[in-house]
Amino acid sequence: MIAGGESSKKIRKPKPWKHSQPLTRTQLRQMRDEFWDTAPHYGGQKEIWDALRAAAEADLTLAQAIVDSAGVIIQSTDLTTCYDERGAKYELPKYVLSEPTNLIRDS
């Protein structure tokens, strides 16, 4: 178990961001699914990718518990850059962590 300290940063939501083109919720979901399906092929451990996905899709309290128990080292508190205990780097795009400000509500 990891003791709280300098190495464990508190997770927070990414700052508001805008996609280059307005997206519908369906398009955003497709982008997210595509990222999570391909991310493990770029390196790192599948278990860490799975933990990061679970954290990205959870509320902040649960997300914090997930990354702490998985041994994820948080470089950026918004989870855009993380490492595992072996030093492998995991980069998450903002679109898997939060919705853009120009999201089109599906009707």
Protein backbone atom coordinates (compact mmCIF):
# COMPACT_ATOMS: atom_id res chain seq x y z
CA MET A 1 0.00 0.00 0.00
CA ILE A 2 1.23 3.47 -0.85
CA ALA A 3 1.48 5.95 2.00
CA GLY A 4 0.24 9.44 1.25
CA GLY A 5 2.93 12.00 0.74
CA GLU A 6 4.72 13.95 -1.91
CA SER A 7 4.48 11.13 -4.45
CA SER A 8 0.69 10.87 -4.31
CA LYS A 9 -0.94 13.91 -5.88
CA LYS A 10 -4.62 14.67 -5.59
CA ILE A 11 -6.48 14.22 -8.85
CA ARG A 12 -8.54 17.06 -10.25
CA LYS A 13 -10.61 17.51 -13.39
CA PRO A 14 -8.80 18.95 -16.43
CA LYS A 15 -9.24 22.65 -17.10
CA PRO A 16 -12.12 23.45 -19.48
CA TRP A 17 -11.06 22.85 -23.07
CA LYS A 18 -12.51 23.23 -26.53
CA HIS A 19 -12.24 20.68 -29.34
CA SER A 20 -11.18 21.94 -32.78
CA GLN A 21 -14.72 21.18 -34.02
CA PRO A 22 -17.93 20.87 -32.00
CA LEU A 23 -18.58 17.24 -31.08
CA THR A 24 -21.73 15.33 -30.28
CA ARG A 25 -21.79 13.02 -27.26
CA THR A 26 -21.79 10.05 -29.69
CA GLN A 27 -18.67 11.31 -31.48
CA LEU A 28 -16.94 11.91 -28.13
CA ARG A 29 -17.81 8.34 -27.03
CA GLN A 30 -16.40 6.95 -30.31
CA MET A 31 -13.16 8.91 -29.84
CA ARG A 32 -12.84 7.63 -26.29
CA ASP A 33 -13.53 4.00 -27.26
CA GLU A 34 -10.99 4.23 -30.07
CA PHE A 35 -8.34 5.66 -27.73
CA TRP A 36 -8.86 2.99 -25.05
CA ASP A 37 -8.89 0.20 -27.66
CA THR A 38 -5.56 1.31 -29.15
CA ALA A 39 -3.71 2.78 -26.14
CA PRO A 40 -2.26 -0.53 -24.80
CA HIS A 41 -0.55 -1.12 -28.16
CA TYR A 42 1.69 1.91 -27.57
CA GLY A 43 3.37 0.36 -24.55
CA GLY A 44 2.83 0.09 -20.84
CA GLN A 45 0.89 -2.56 -18.97
CA LYS A 46 -2.68 -3.46 -19.85
CA GLU A 47 -3.60 -3.48 -16.14
CA ILE A 48 -2.47 0.13 -15.80
CA TRP A 49 -4.39 1.18 -18.93
CA ASP A 50 -7.48 -0.56 -17.50
CA ALA A 51 -7.02 1.24 -14.17
CA LEU A 52 -6.59 4.59 -15.94
CA ARG A 53 -9.74 4.02 -17.97
CA ALA A 54 -11.69 3.13 -14.83
CA ALA A 55 -10.31 6.25 -13.11
CA ALA A 56 -11.12 8.46 -16.11
CA GLU A 57 -14.72 7.24 -16.07
CA ALA A 58 -15.17 7.53 -12.28
CA ASP A 59 -15.79 10.47 -9.97
CA LEU A 60 -12.68 12.07 -8.44
CA THR A 61 -12.78 10.22 -5.10
CA LEU A 62 -13.07 6.80 -6.73
CA ALA A 63 -10.52 7.77 -9.40
CA GLN A 64 -8.03 8.65 -6.66
CA ALA A 65 -8.57 5.27 -4.97
CA ILE A 66 -8.15 3.44 -8.30
CA VAL A 67 -4.85 5.09 -9.26
CA ASP A 68 -3.49 4.77 -5.72
CA SER A 69 -4.27 1.05 -5.52
CA ALA A 70 -2.89 0.42 -9.03
CA GLY A 71 0.41 2.09 -8.09
CA VAL A 72 0.03 4.79 -10.74
CA ILE A 73 2.42 7.72 -10.32
CA ILE A 74 0.60 10.93 -11.23
CA GLN A 75 2.75 13.49 -13.03
CA SER A 76 -0.12 15.84 -13.96
CA THR A 77 -2.93 16.11 -11.44
CA ASP A 78 -5.51 16.04 -14.26
CA LEU A 79 -4.20 12.53 -15.21
CA THR A 80 -2.94 13.63 -18.63
CA THR A 81 0.54 12.29 -17.77
CA CYS A 82 1.14 9.30 -15.49
CA TYR A 83 3.77 6.62 -14.95
CA ASP A 84 3.70 3.09 -13.61
CA GLU A 85 6.16 1.75 -11.03
CA ARG A 86 8.44 0.52 -13.84
CA GLY A 87 8.71 4.02 -15.30
CA ALA A 88 6.47 3.48 -18.34
CA LYS A 89 4.71 6.69 -19.38
CA TYR A 90 0.96 6.90 -19.96
CA GLU A 91 -0.45 9.97 -21.70
CA LEU A 92 -4.18 10.58 -21.70
CA PRO A 93 -5.87 13.08 -24.01
CA LYS A 94 -8.26 15.53 -22.35
CA TYR A 95 -11.19 14.09 -24.31
CA VAL A 96 -11.09 10.85 -22.30
CA LEU A 97 -11.01 12.80 -19.02
CA SER A 98 -13.68 15.46 -19.51
CA GLU A 99 -16.13 16.88 -22.00
CA PRO A 100 -15.22 19.81 -24.27
CA THR A 101 -16.93 23.16 -23.73
CA ASN A 102 -18.27 22.96 -27.30
CA LEU A 103 -20.02 19.60 -26.87
CA ILE A 104 -23.25 19.43 -28.89
CA ARG A 105 -26.09 17.96 -26.87
CA ASP A 106 -27.55 15.00 -28.77
CA SER A 107 -31.22 15.65 -29.43
